[in-house]
Structures are given as C-alpha cells and as structure tokens.
C-alpha cells in the first residue's frame, strides 16, 4: 500500500467500490483514513421498472471536489496513448509508464510558464 512509501499519508479518497471491509482494514492495518467519496446522483445506475412505472428524475450533474480530482487525473493520463489501455503485464512497467505520463504533464506545464 502507498502508506509504506509515503509515511505522511493520512487520508485516501476512494470510489464506492472500496466501501465496507476495505475501510476497516486500511484503518486497522495501516493507520490511514480511507474516505469513500459518494456519488452525486442517486446511484441507481440501471434499474428495473415495473410496467407503467416512470423512471426517477435525475437532479442534474454536480461536481464532487475529490471525485473530480481523480477523474481529471485519469483524463490527463489517458491522453498518453500508451496509458489509454492496459497493455502492461508487469506492475513495475505499468507504474513506470504512469510516472512518465506525469513527467510529460509537468514538463508541458513548466514549458508553458
């Protein structure tokens, strides 16, 4: 886990897929607070409707701050062709390409300044 490499790490934001025992294990085993970022909609996704029943009305799009940061980061990394699909068989190789993606991003930002 990232806590071993980053001793100052105190909080991790995660998607709803990590809810449940993962939150408890992160706190007990690693001493880190794993916070689940909730969706802004009702989270029903695909639902079955009874005949004649109307679907629920969506309230509209709402930006959730921490969820947006994660999605934005994935969007930046997805602009690198090598990272657009899971090509790597080795985790170390995949991590190296992610790091190169961030180097590319930072280099572009520094060049624009």
PDB file of N, CA and C in Angstrom:
ATOM      1  N   UNK A   1       0.844  -1.185   0.000  1.00  0.00           N
ATOM      2  CA  UNK A   1       0.000   0.000   0.000  1.00  0.00           C
ATOM      3  C   UNK A   1       0.889   1.247   0.000  1.00  0.00           C
ATOM      4  N   UNK A   2       0.328   2.344  -0.391  1.00  0.00           N
ATOM      5  CA  UNK A   2       1.085   3.594  -0.521  1.00  0.00           C
ATOM      6  C   UNK A   2       1.602   4.108   0.810  1.00  0.00           C
ATOM      7  N   UNK A   3       1.004   3.676   1.912  1.00  0.00           N
ATOM      8  CA  UNK A   3       1.401   4.162   3.229  1.00  0.00           C
ATOM      9  C   UNK A   3       2.851   3.792   3.541  1.00  0.00           C
ATOM     10  N   UNK A   4       3.303   2.630   3.083  1.00  0.00           N
ATOM     11  CA  UNK A   4       4.677   2.212   3.332  1.00  0.00           C
ATOM     12  C   UNK A   4       5.682   3.143   2.651  1.00  0.00           C
ATOM     13  N   UNK A   5       5.334   3.670   1.488  1.00  0.00           N
ATOM     14  CA  UNK A   5       6.238   4.552   0.753  1.00  0.00           C
ATOM     15  C   UNK A   5       6.075   6.013   1.135  1.00  0.00           C
ATOM     16  N   UNK A   6       4.897   6.385   1.614  1.00  0.00           N
ATOM     17  CA  UNK A   6       4.615   7.776   1.993  1.00  0.00           C
ATOM     18  C   UNK A   6       4.186   7.797   3.450  1.00  0.00           C
ATOM     19  N   UNK A   7       5.128   7.951   4.347  1.00  0.00           N
ATOM     20  CA  UNK A   7       4.840   7.882   5.778  1.00  0.00           C
ATOM     21  C   UNK A   7       3.898   8.989   6.242  1.00  0.00           C
ATOM     22  N   UNK A   8       3.840  10.107   5.526  1.00  0.00           N
ATOM     23  CA  UNK A   8       2.985  11.213   5.934  1.00  0.00           C
ATOM     24  C   UNK A   8       1.548  11.070   5.439  1.00  0.00           C
ATOM     25  N   UNK A   9       1.259  10.026   4.700  1.00  0.00           N
ATOM     26  CA  UNK A   9      -0.082   9.811   4.150  1.00  0.00           C
ATOM     27  C   UNK A   9      -1.062   9.514   5.279  1.00  0.00           C
ATOM     28  N   UNK A  10      -2.101  10.327   5.381  1.00  0.00           N
ATOM     29  CA  UNK A  10      -3.086  10.160   6.453  1.00  0.00           C
ATOM     30  C   UNK A  10      -4.484   9.861   5.937  1.00  0.00           C
ATOM     31  N   UNK A  11      -4.797  10.281   4.710  1.00  0.00           N
ATOM     32  CA  UNK A  11      -6.148  10.099   4.180  1.00  0.00           C
ATOM     33  C   UNK A  11      -6.076   9.686   2.717  1.00  0.00           C
ATOM     34  N   UNK A  12      -6.956   8.746   2.342  1.00  0.00           N
ATOM     35  CA  UNK A  12      -7.069   8.304   0.954  1.00  0.00           C
ATOM     36  C   UNK A  12      -8.534   8.419   0.564  1.00  0.00           C
ATOM     37  N   UNK A  13      -8.805   9.036  -0.583  1.00  0.00           N
ATOM     38  CA  UNK A  13     -10.163   9.099  -1.102  1.00  0.00           C
ATOM     39  C   UNK A  13     -10.340   7.979  -2.106  1.00  0.00           C
ATOM     40  N   UNK A  14     -11.455   7.283  -2.018  1.00  0.00           N
ATOM     41  CA  UNK A  14     -11.687   6.142  -2.895  1.00  0.00           C
ATOM     42  C   UNK A  14     -13.121   6.128  -3.388  1.00  0.00           C
ATOM     43  N   UNK A  15     -13.330   5.367  -4.439  1.00  0.00           N
ATOM     44  CA  UNK A  15     -14.641   5.175  -5.038  1.00  0.00           C
ATOM     45  C   UNK A  15     -15.479   4.252  -4.150  1.00  0.00           C
ATOM     46  N   UNK A  16     -16.766   4.235  -4.395  1.00  0.00           N
ATOM     47  CA  UNK A  16     -17.670   3.404  -3.611  1.00  0.00           C
ATOM     48  C   UNK A  16     -17.382   1.920  -3.673  1.00  0.00           C
ATOM     49  N   UNK A  17     -16.634   1.482  -4.685  1.00  0.00           N
ATOM     50  CA  UNK A  17     -16.276   0.073  -4.793  1.00  0.00           C
ATOM     51  C   UNK A  17     -15.380  -0.398  -3.663  1.00  0.00           C
ATOM     52  N   UNK A  18     -14.753   0.525  -2.938  1.00  0.00           N
ATOM     53  CA  UNK A  18     -13.858   0.179  -1.833  1.00  0.00           C
ATOM     54  C   UNK A  18     -14.545   0.277  -0.473  1.00  0.00           C
ATOM     55  N   UNK A  19     -15.839   0.508  -0.461  1.00  0.00           N
ATOM     56  CA  UNK A  19     -16.568   0.619   0.804  1.00  0.00           C
ATOM     57  C   UNK A  19     -16.615  -0.733   1.499  1.00  0.00           C
ATOM     58  N   UNK A  20     -16.886  -0.702   2.786  1.00  0.00           N
ATOM     59  CA  UNK A  20     -17.023  -1.948   3.545  1.00  0.00           C
ATOM     60  C   UNK A  20     -15.760  -2.294   4.303  1.00  0.00           C
ATOM     61  N   UNK A  21     -15.350  -3.549   4.211  1.00  0.00           N
ATOM     62  CA  UNK A  21     -14.209  -4.043   4.979  1.00  0.00           C
ATOM     63  C   UNK A  21     -12.900  -3.363   4.609  1.00  0.00           C
ATOM     64  N   UNK A  22     -12.793  -2.861   3.391  1.00  0.00           N
ATOM     65  CA  UNK A  22     -11.564  -2.191   2.956  1.00  0.00           C
ATOM     66  C   UNK A  22     -11.285  -0.959   3.817  1.00  0.00           C
ATOM     67  N   UNK A  23     -12.314  -0.242   4.201  1.00  0.00           N
ATOM     68  CA  UNK A  23     -12.171   0.945   5.043  1.00  0.00           C
ATOM     69  C   UNK A  23     -11.628   0.539   6.411  1.00  0.00           C
ATOM     70  N   UNK A  24     -12.187  -0.537   6.970  1.00  0.00           N
ATOM     71  CA  UNK A  24     -11.766  -1.016   8.285  1.00  0.00           C
ATOM     72  C   UNK A  24     -10.325  -1.511   8.238  1.00  0.00           C
ATOM     73  N   UNK A  25      -9.986  -2.301   7.209  1.00  0.00           N
ATOM     74  CA  UNK A  25      -8.628  -2.835   7.079  1.00  0.00           C
ATOM     75  C   UNK A  25      -7.594  -1.715   6.908  1.00  0.00           C
ATOM     76  N   UNK A  26      -7.927  -0.701   6.138  1.00  0.00           N
ATOM     77  CA  UNK A  26      -6.989   0.406   5.932  1.00  0.00           C
ATOM     78  C   UNK A  26      -6.685   1.100   7.249  1.00  0.00           C
ATOM     79  N   UNK A  27      -7.700   1.269   8.068  1.00  0.00           N
ATOM     80  CA  UNK A  27      -7.505   1.942   9.355  1.00  0.00           C
ATOM     81  C   UNK A  27      -6.738   1.044  10.332  1.00  0.00           C
ATOM     82  N   UNK A  28      -7.130  -0.230  10.429  1.00  0.00           N
ATOM     83  CA  UNK A  28      -6.517  -1.132  11.419  1.00  0.00           C
ATOM     84  C   UNK A  28      -5.093  -1.535  11.035  1.00  0.00           C
ATOM     85  N   UNK A  29      -4.872  -1.895   9.790  1.00  0.00           N
ATOM     86  CA  UNK A  29      -3.571  -2.423   9.382  1.00  0.00           C
ATOM     87  C   UNK A  29      -2.559  -1.332   9.034  1.00  0.00           C
ATOM     88  N   UNK A  30      -3.048  -0.203   8.506  1.00  0.00           N
ATOM     89  CA  UNK A  30      -2.121   0.816   8.008  1.00  0.00           C
ATOM     90  C   UNK A  30      -2.256   2.159   8.715  1.00  0.00           C
ATOM     91  N   UNK A  31      -3.281   2.325   9.543  1.00  0.00           N
ATOM     92  CA  UNK A  31      -3.461   3.576  10.266  1.00  0.00           C
ATOM     93  C   UNK A  31      -3.798   4.759   9.377  1.00  0.00           C
ATOM     94  N   UNK A  32      -4.472   4.499   8.274  1.00  0.00           N
ATOM     95  CA  UNK A  32      -4.834   5.569   7.348  1.00  0.00           C
ATOM     96  C   UNK A  32      -6.356   5.631   7.233  1.00  0.00           C
ATOM     97  N   UNK A  33      -6.871   6.844   7.066  1.00  0.00           N
ATOM     98  CA  UNK A  33      -8.311   7.049   6.937  1.00  0.00           C
ATOM     99  C   UNK A  33      -8.699   6.916   5.468  1.00  0.00           C
ATOM    100  N   UNK A  34      -9.477   5.899   5.152  1.00  0.00           N
ATOM    101  CA  UNK A  34      -9.966   5.687   3.788  1.00  0.00           C
ATOM    102  C   UNK A  34     -11.373   6.249   3.719  1.00  0.00           C
ATOM    103  N   UNK A  35     -11.529   7.369   3.005  1.00  0.00           N
ATOM    104  CA  UNK A  35     -12.826   8.028   2.894  1.00  0.00           C
ATOM    105  C   UNK A  35     -13.449   7.717   1.546  1.00  0.00           C
ATOM    106  N   UNK A  36     -14.675   7.234   1.568  1.00  0.00           N
ATOM    107  CA  UNK A  36     -15.397   6.895   0.347  1.00  0.00           C
ATOM    108  C   UNK A  36     -16.114   8.146  -0.146  1.00  0.00           C
ATOM    109  N   UNK A  37     -15.845   8.533  -1.389  1.00  0.00           N
ATOM    110  CA  UNK A  37     -16.484   9.706  -1.981  1.00  0.00           C
ATOM    111  C   UNK A  37     -17.793   9.239  -2.614  1.00  0.00           C
ATOM    112  N   UNK A  38     -18.887   9.790  -2.127  1.00  0.00           N
ATOM    113  CA  UNK A  38     -20.220   9.385  -2.591  1.00  0.00           C
ATOM    114  C   UNK A  38     -20.555  10.024  -3.933  1.00  0.00           C
ATOM    115  N   UNK A  39     -21.405   9.347  -4.684  1.00  0.00           N
ATOM    116  CA  UNK A  39     -21.875   9.884  -5.960  1.00  0.00           C
ATOM    117  C   UNK A  39     -22.894  10.988  -5.713  1.00  0.00           C
ATOM    118  N   UNK A  40     -23.009  11.894  -6.686  1.00  0.00           N
ATOM    119  CA  UNK A  40     -23.965  12.994  -6.530  1.00  0.00           C
ATOM    120  C   UNK A  40     -25.378  12.595  -6.955  1.00  0.00           C
ATOM    121  N   UNK A  41     -25.480  11.574  -7.795  1.00  0.00           N
ATOM    122  CA  UNK A  41     -26.819  11.128  -8.193  1.00  0.00           C
ATOM    123  C   UNK A  41     -27.298  10.080  -7.195  1.00  0.00           C
ATOM    124  N   UNK A  42     -28.446   9.485  -7.486  1.00  0.00           N
ATOM    125  CA  UNK A  42     -28.979   8.505  -6.542  1.00  0.00           C
ATOM    126  C   UNK A  42     -28.278   7.153  -6.646  1.00  0.00           C
ATOM    127  N   UNK A  43     -27.360   6.993  -7.590  1.00  0.00           N
ATOM    128  CA  UNK A  43     -26.551   5.788  -7.674  1.00  0.00           C
ATOM    129  C   UNK A  43     -27.282   4.552  -8.137  1.00  0.00           C
ATOM    130  N   UNK A  44     -28.451   4.717  -8.751  1.00  0.00           N
ATOM    131  CA  UNK A  44     -29.204   3.532  -9.143  1.00  0.00           C
ATOM    132  C   UNK A  44     -28.632   2.871 -10.383  1.00  0.00           C
ATOM    133  N   UNK A  45     -27.989   3.649 -11.260  1.00  0.00           N
ATOM    134  CA  UNK A  45     -27.459   3.055 -12.491  1.00  0.00           C
ATOM    135  C   UNK A  45     -28.590   2.469 -13.316  1.00  0.00           C
ATOM    136  N   UNK A  46     -28.457   1.226 -13.703  1.00  0.00           N
ATOM    137  CA  UNK A  46     -29.523   0.548 -14.435  1.00  0.00           C
ATOM    138  C   UNK A  46     -30.517  -0.020 -13.436  1.00  0.00           C
ATOM    139  N   UNK A  47     -31.761   0.324 -13.600  1.00  0.00           N
ATOM    140  CA  UNK A  47     -32.781  -0.195 -12.687  1.00  0.00           C
ATOM    141  C   UNK A  47     -33.901  -0.833 -13.492  1.00  0.00           C
ATOM    142  N   UNK A  48     -34.594  -1.764 -12.860  1.00  0.00           N
ATOM    143  CA  UNK A  48     -35.732  -2.405 -13.491  1.00  0.00           C
ATOM    144  C   UNK A  48     -36.988  -1.651 -13.073  1.00  0.00           C
ATOM    145  N   UNK A  49     -37.803  -1.319 -14.054  1.00  0.00           N
ATOM    146  CA  UNK A  49     -39.050  -0.619 -13.771  1.00  0.00           C
ATOM    147  C   UNK A  49     -40.219  -1.556 -13.999  1.00  0.00           C
ATOM    148  N   UNK A  50     -41.214  -1.421 -13.160  1.00  0.00           N
ATOM    149  CA  UNK A  50     -42.453  -2.173 -13.372  1.00  0.00           C
ATOM    150  C   UNK A  50     -43.204  -1.547 -14.542  1.00  0.00           C
ATOM    151  N   UNK A  51     -44.055  -2.313 -15.175  1.00  0.00           N
ATOM    152  CA  UNK A  51     -44.797  -1.794 -16.311  1.00  0.00           C
ATOM    153  C   UNK A  51     -45.632  -0.589 -15.888  1.00  0.00           C
ATOM    154  N   UNK A  52     -45.474   0.508 -16.640  1.00  0.00           N
ATOM    155  CA  UNK A  52     -46.190   1.738 -16.352  1.00  0.00           C
ATOM    156  C   UNK A  52     -45.482   2.645 -15.345  1.00  0.00           C
ATOM    157  N   UNK A  53     -44.414   2.149 -14.736  1.00  0.00           N
ATOM    158  CA  UNK A  53     -43.680   2.957 -13.753  1.00  0.00           C
ATOM    159  C   UNK A  53     -42.734   3.912 -14.467  1.00  0.00           C
ATOM    160  N   UNK A  54     -42.666   5.135 -14.007  1.00  0.00           N
ATOM    161  CA  UNK A  54     -41.787   6.134 -14.626  1.00  0.00           C
ATOM    162  C   UNK A  54     -40.412   6.092 -13.970  1.00  0.00           C
ATOM    163  N   UNK A  55     -39.359   6.315 -14.777  1.00  0.00           N
ATOM    164  CA  UNK A  55     -38.013   6.327 -14.200  1.00  0.00           C
ATOM    165  C   UNK A  55     -37.826   7.534 -13.290  1.00  0.00           C
ATOM    166  N   UNK A  56     -36.924   7.424 -12.299  1.00  0.00           N
ATOM    167  CA  UNK A  56     -36.691   8.572 -11.419  1.00  0.00           C
ATOM    168  C   UNK A  56     -36.082   9.734 -12.188  1.00  0.00           C
ATOM    169  N   UNK A  57     -36.406  10.928 -11.773  1.00  0.00           N
ATOM    170  CA  UNK A  57     -35.900  12.134 -12.425  1.00  0.00           C
ATOM    171  C   UNK A  57     -34.524  12.461 -11.839  1.00  0.00           C
ATOM    172  N   UNK A  58     -33.556  12.622 -12.727  1.00  0.00           N
ATOM    173  CA  UNK A  58     -32.207  12.977 -12.281  1.00  0.00           C
ATOM    174  C   UNK A  58     -32.174  14.440 -11.870  1.00  0.00           C
ATOM    175  N   UNK A  59     -31.442  14.729 -10.820  1.00  0.00           N
ATOM    176  CA  UNK A  59     -31.343  16.103 -10.338  1.00  0.00           C
ATOM    177  C   UNK A  59     -30.354  16.920 -11.147  1.00  0.00           C
ATOM    178  N   UNK A  60     -29.550  16.291 -11.959  1.00  0.00           N
ATOM    179  CA  UNK A  60     -28.557  17.010 -12.740  1.00  0.00           C
ATOM    180  C   UNK A  60     -27.148  16.702 -12.277  1.00  0.00           C
ATOM    181  N   UNK A  61     -26.206  17.185 -13.048  1.00  0.00           N
ATOM    182  CA  UNK A  61     -24.794  16.931 -12.769  1.00  0.00           C
ATOM    183  C   UNK A  61     -24.295  17.839 -11.659  1.00  0.00           C
ATOM    184  N   UNK A  62     -23.587  17.265 -10.708  1.00  0.00           N
ATOM    185  CA  UNK A  62     -22.973  18.041  -9.630  1.00  0.00           C
ATOM    186  C   UNK A  62     -21.514  17.631  -9.540  1.00  0.00           C
ATOM    187  N   UNK A  63     -20.641  18.605  -9.445  1.00  0.00           N
ATOM    188  CA  UNK A  63     -19.225  18.323  -9.305  1.00  0.00           C
ATOM    189  C   UNK A  63     -18.937  17.988  -7.846  1.00  0.00           C
ATOM    190  N   UNK A  64     -18.299  16.855  -7.633  1.00  0.00           N
ATOM    191  CA  UNK A  64     -17.847  16.479  -6.298  1.00  0.00           C
ATOM    192  C   UNK A  64     -16.346  16.689  -6.296  1.00  0.00           C
ATOM    193  N   UNK A  65     -15.877  17.540  -5.402  1.00  0.00           N
ATOM    194  CA  UNK A  65     -14.497  18.019  -5.450  1.00  0.00           C
ATOM    195  C   UNK A  65     -13.468  16.893  -5.548  1.00  0.00           C
ATOM    196  N   UNK A  66     -13.435  15.985  -4.623  1.00  0.00           N
ATOM    197  CA  UNK A  66     -12.372  14.970  -4.596  1.00  0.00           C
ATOM    198  C   UNK A  66     -12.546  13.957  -5.707  1.00  0.00           C
ATOM    199  N   UNK A  67     -13.767  13.634  -6.053  1.00  0.00           N
ATOM    200  CA  UNK A  67     -14.009  12.707  -7.155  1.00  0.00           C
ATOM    201  C   UNK A  67     -13.534  13.342  -8.463  1.00  0.00           C
ATOM    202  N   UNK A  68     -13.754  14.636  -8.597  1.00  0.00           N
ATOM    203  CA  UNK A  68     -13.333  15.345  -9.800  1.00  0.00           C
ATOM    204  C   UNK A  68     -11.816  15.309  -9.949  1.00  0.00           C
ATOM    205  N   UNK A  69     -11.084  15.442  -8.856  1.00  0.00           N
ATOM    206  CA  UNK A  69      -9.622  15.391  -8.923  1.00  0.00           C
ATOM    207  C   UNK A  69      -9.135  14.051  -9.474  1.00  0.00           C
ATOM    208  N   UNK A  70      -9.746  12.979  -9.033  1.00  0.00           N
ATOM    209  CA  UNK A  70      -9.353  11.646  -9.505  1.00  0.00           C
ATOM    210  C   UNK A  70      -9.692  11.481 -10.982  1.00  0.00           C
ATOM    211  N   UNK A  71     -10.910  11.839 -11.363  1.00  0.00           N
ATOM    212  CA  UNK A  71     -11.326  11.698 -12.765  1.00  0.00           C
ATOM    213  C   UNK A  71     -10.486  12.580 -13.679  1.00  0.00           C
ATOM    214  N   UNK A  72     -10.154  13.787 -13.235  1.00  0.00           N
ATOM    215  CA  UNK A  72      -9.318  14.683 -14.013  1.00  0.00           C
ATOM    216  C   UNK A  72      -7.927  14.081 -14.217  1.00  0.00           C
ATOM    217  N   UNK A  73      -7.377  13.494 -13.171  1.00  0.00           N
ATOM    218  CA  UNK A  73      -6.054  12.869 -13.262  1.00  0.00           C
ATOM    219  C   UNK A  73      -6.068  11.710 -14.242  1.00  0.00           C
ATOM    220  N   UNK A  74      -7.098  10.867 -14.179  1.00  0.00           N
ATOM    221  CA  UNK A  74      -7.215   9.773 -15.142  1.00  0.00           C
ATOM    222  C   UNK A  74      -7.344  10.305 -16.559  1.00  0.00           C
ATOM    223  N   UNK A  75      -8.048  11.432 -16.710  1.00  0.00           N
ATOM    224  CA  UNK A  75      -8.171  12.052 -18.027  1.00  0.00           C
ATOM    225  C   UNK A  75      -6.831  12.514 -18.563  1.00  0.00           C
ATOM    226  N   UNK A  76      -6.027  13.120 -17.696  1.00  0.00           N
ATOM    227  CA  UNK A  76      -4.692  13.558 -18.118  1.00  0.00           C
ATOM    228  C   UNK A  76      -3.850  12.372 -18.552  1.00  0.00           C
ATOM    229  N   UNK A  77      -3.869  11.323 -17.736  1.00  0.00           N
ATOM    230  CA  UNK A  77      -3.064  10.145 -18.064  1.00  0.00           C
ATOM    231  C   UNK A  77      -3.579   9.464 -19.339  1.00  0.00           C
ATOM    232  N   UNK A  78      -4.879   9.499 -19.551  1.00  0.00           N
ATOM    233  CA  UNK A  78      -5.467   8.878 -20.731  1.00  0.00           C
ATOM    234  C   UNK A  78      -5.069   9.552 -22.033  1.00  0.00           C
ATOM    235  N   UNK A  79      -4.540  10.774 -21.957  1.00  0.00           N
ATOM    236  CA  UNK A  79      -4.083  11.465 -23.165  1.00  0.00           C
ATOM    237  C   UNK A  79      -2.803  10.857 -23.710  1.00  0.00           C
ATOM    238  N   UNK A  80      -2.114  10.054 -22.887  1.00  0.00           N
ATOM    239  CA  UNK A  80      -0.935   9.333 -23.351  1.00  0.00           C
ATOM    240  C   UNK A  80      -1.394   8.019 -23.967  1.00  0.00           C
ATOM    241  N   UNK A  81      -1.068   7.813 -25.211  1.00  0.00           N
ATOM    242  CA  UNK A  81      -1.577   6.645 -25.932  1.00  0.00           C
ATOM    243  C   UNK A  81      -1.215   5.345 -25.232  1.00  0.00           C
ATOM    244  N   UNK A  82      -0.023   5.268 -24.691  1.00  0.00           N
ATOM    245  CA  UNK A  82       0.438   4.046 -24.040  1.00  0.00           C
ATOM    246  C   UNK A  82      -0.406   3.722 -22.803  1.00  0.00           C
ATOM    247  N   UNK A  83      -0.951   4.745 -22.167  1.00  0.00           N
ATOM    248  CA  UNK A  83      -1.731   4.544 -20.952  1.00  0.00           C
ATOM    249  C   UNK A  83      -3.229   4.471 -21.206  1.00  0.00           C
ATOM    250  N   UNK A  84      -3.643   4.581 -22.463  1.00  0.00           N
ATOM    251  CA  UNK A  84      -5.075   4.583 -22.749  1.00  0.00           C
ATOM    252  C   UNK A  84      -5.701   3.205 -22.591  1.00  0.00           C
ATOM    253  N   UNK A  85      -4.896   2.164 -22.654  1.00  0.00           N
ATOM    254  CA  UNK A  85      -5.370   0.790 -22.439  1.00  0.00           C
ATOM    255  C   UNK A  85      -4.400   0.095 -21.503  1.00  0.00           C
ATOM    256  N   UNK A  86      -4.818  -1.006 -20.953  1.00  0.00           N
ATOM    257  CA  UNK A  86      -3.939  -1.778 -20.068  1.00  0.00           C
ATOM    258  C   UNK A  86      -3.093  -2.728 -20.905  1.00  0.00           C
ATOM    259  N   UNK A  87      -1.953  -2.228 -21.365  1.00  0.00           N
ATOM    260  CA  UNK A  87      -1.067  -3.041 -22.185  1.00  0.00           C
ATOM    261  C   UNK A  87      -0.048  -3.813 -21.358  1.00  0.00           C
ATOM    262  N   UNK A  88       0.297  -3.300 -20.213  1.00  0.00           N
ATOM    263  CA  UNK A  88       1.420  -3.833 -19.455  1.00  0.00           C
ATOM    264  C   UNK A  88       1.042  -5.122 -18.722  1.00  0.00           C
ATOM    265  N   UNK A  89       1.960  -6.075 -18.718  1.00  0.00           N
ATOM    266  CA  UNK A  89       1.765  -7.318 -17.975  1.00  0.00           C
ATOM    267  C   UNK A  89       2.423  -7.242 -16.612  1.00  0.00           C
ATOM    268  N   UNK A  90       3.346  -6.311 -16.449  1.00  0.00           N
ATOM    269  CA  UNK A  90       4.115  -6.186 -15.232  1.00  0.00           C
ATOM    270  C   UNK A  90       3.722  -4.889 -14.525  1.00  0.00           C
ATOM    271  N   UNK A  91       3.445  -4.968 -13.219  1.00  0.00           N
ATOM    272  CA  UNK A  91       3.047  -3.783 -12.459  1.00  0.00           C
ATOM    273  C   UNK A  91       4.142  -2.723 -12.462  1.00  0.00           C
ATOM    274  N   UNK A  92       5.398  -3.143 -12.347  1.00  0.00           N
ATOM    275  CA  UNK A  92       6.505  -2.180 -12.328  1.00  0.00           C
ATOM    276  C   UNK A  92       6.568  -1.411 -13.650  1.00  0.00           C
ATOM    277  N   UNK A  93       6.335  -2.098 -14.745  1.00  0.00           N
ATOM    278  CA  UNK A  93       6.338  -1.444 -16.053  1.00  0.00           C
ATOM    279  C   UNK A  93       5.169  -0.466 -16.171  1.00  0.00           C
ATOM    280  N   UNK A  94       4.022  -0.872 -15.701  1.00  0.00           N
ATOM    281  CA  UNK A  94       2.842  -0.007 -15.737  1.00  0.00           C
ATOM    282  C   UNK A  94       3.069   1.245 -14.897  1.00  0.00           C
ATOM    283  N   UNK A  95       3.633   1.078 -13.707  1.00  0.00           N
ATOM    284  CA  UNK A  95       3.918   2.213 -12.846  1.00  0.00           C
ATOM    285  C   UNK A  95       4.929   3.165 -13.494  1.00  0.00           C
ATOM    286  N   UNK A  96       5.924   2.604 -14.170  1.00  0.00           N
ATOM    287  CA  UNK A  96       6.920   3.437 -14.852  1.00  0.00           C
ATOM    288  C   UNK A  96       6.257   4.286 -15.928  1.00  0.00           C
ATOM    289  N   UNK A  97       5.319   3.713 -16.674  1.00  0.00           N
ATOM    290  CA  UNK A  97       4.634   4.481 -17.713  1.00  0.00           C
ATOM    291  C   UNK A  97       3.729   5.561 -17.122  1.00  0.00           C
ATOM    292  N   UNK A  98       3.119   5.284 -15.976  1.00  0.00           N
ATOM    293  CA  UNK A  98       2.307   6.304 -15.306  1.00  0.00           C
ATOM    294  C   UNK A  98       3.206   7.459 -14.864  1.00  0.00           C
ATOM    295  N   UNK A  99       4.367   7.119 -14.310  1.00  0.00           N
ATOM    296  CA  UNK A  99       5.300   8.171 -13.897  1.00  0.00           C
ATOM    297  C   UNK A  99       5.770   8.992 -15.099  1.00  0.00           C
ATOM    298  N   UNK A 100       6.043   8.329 -16.200  1.00  0.00           N
ATOM    299  CA  UNK A 100       6.426   9.061 -17.411  1.00  0.00           C
ATOM    300  C   UNK A 100       5.291   9.957 -17.891  1.00  0.00           C
ATOM    301  N   UNK A 101       4.063   9.490 -17.734  1.00  0.00           N
ATOM    302  CA  UNK A 101       2.914  10.320 -18.092  1.00  0.00           C
ATOM    303  C   UNK A 101       2.863  11.597 -17.277  1.00  0.00           C
ATOM    304  N   UNK A 102       3.150  11.480 -15.982  1.00  0.00           N
ATOM    305  CA  UNK A 102       3.163  12.665 -15.133  1.00  0.00           C
ATOM    306  C   UNK A 102       4.352  13.564 -15.440  1.00  0.00           C
ATOM    307  N   UNK A 103       5.496  12.977 -15.774  1.00  0.00           N
ATOM    308  CA  UNK A 103       6.655  13.789 -16.178  1.00  0.00           C
ATOM    309  C   UNK A 103       6.298  14.594 -17.421  1.00  0.00           C
ATOM    310  N   UNK A 104       5.651  13.951 -18.380  1.00  0.00           N
ATOM    311  CA  UNK A 104       5.225  14.633 -19.609  1.00  0.00           C
ATOM    312  C   UNK A 104       4.276  15.783 -19.281  1.00  0.00           C
ATOM    313  N   UNK A 105       3.318  15.522 -18.373  1.00  0.00           N
ATOM    314  CA  UNK A 105       2.360  16.546 -17.989  1.00  0.00           C
ATOM    315  C   UNK A 105       3.044  17.731 -17.318  1.00  0.00           C
ATOM    316  N   UNK A 106       3.937  17.446 -16.371  1.00  0.00           N
ATOM    317  CA  UNK A 106       4.632  18.525 -15.669  1.00  0.00           C
ATOM    318  C   UNK A 106       5.562  19.293 -16.593  1.00  0.00           C
ATOM    319  N   UNK A 107       6.233  18.593 -17.506  1.00  0.00           N
ATOM    320  CA  UNK A 107       7.120  19.265 -18.454  1.00  0.00           C
ATOM    321  C   UNK A 107       6.335  20.218 -19.349  1.00  0.00           C
ATOM    322  N   UNK A 108       5.167  19.807 -19.778  1.00  0.00           N
ATOM    323  CA  UNK A 108       4.332  20.698 -20.600  1.00  0.00           C
ATOM    324  C   UNK A 108       3.903  21.922 -19.819  1.00  0.00           C
ATOM    325  N   UNK A 109       3.561  21.729 -18.557  1.00  0.00           N
ATOM    326  CA  UNK A 109       3.142  22.863 -17.740  1.00  0.00           C
ATOM    327  C   UNK A 109       4.296  23.829 -17.476  1.00  0.00           C
ATOM    328  N   UNK A 110       5.474  23.298 -17.205  1.00  0.00           N
ATOM    329  CA  UNK A 110       6.624  24.151 -16.971  1.00  0.00           C
ATOM    330  C   UNK A 110       7.034  24.895 -18.239  1.00  0.00           C
ATOM    331  N   UNK A 111       6.873  24.260 -19.379  1.00  0.00           N
ATOM    332  CA  UNK A 111       7.203  24.894 -20.649  1.00  0.00           C
ATOM    333  C   UNK A 111       6.265  26.024 -21.008  1.00  0.00           C
ATOM    334  N   UNK A 112       5.025  25.940 -20.525  1.00  0.00           N
ATOM    335  CA  UNK A 112       4.032  26.972 -20.822  1.00  0.00           C
ATOM    336  C   UNK A 112       4.220  28.202 -19.953  1.00  0.00           C
ATOM    337  N   UNK A 113       4.940  28.043 -18.847  1.00  0.00           N
ATOM    338  CA  UNK A 113       5.097  29.162 -17.908  1.00  0.00           C
ATOM    339  C   UNK A 113       6.137  30.123 -18.321  1.00  0.00           C
TER     340      UNK A 113
END
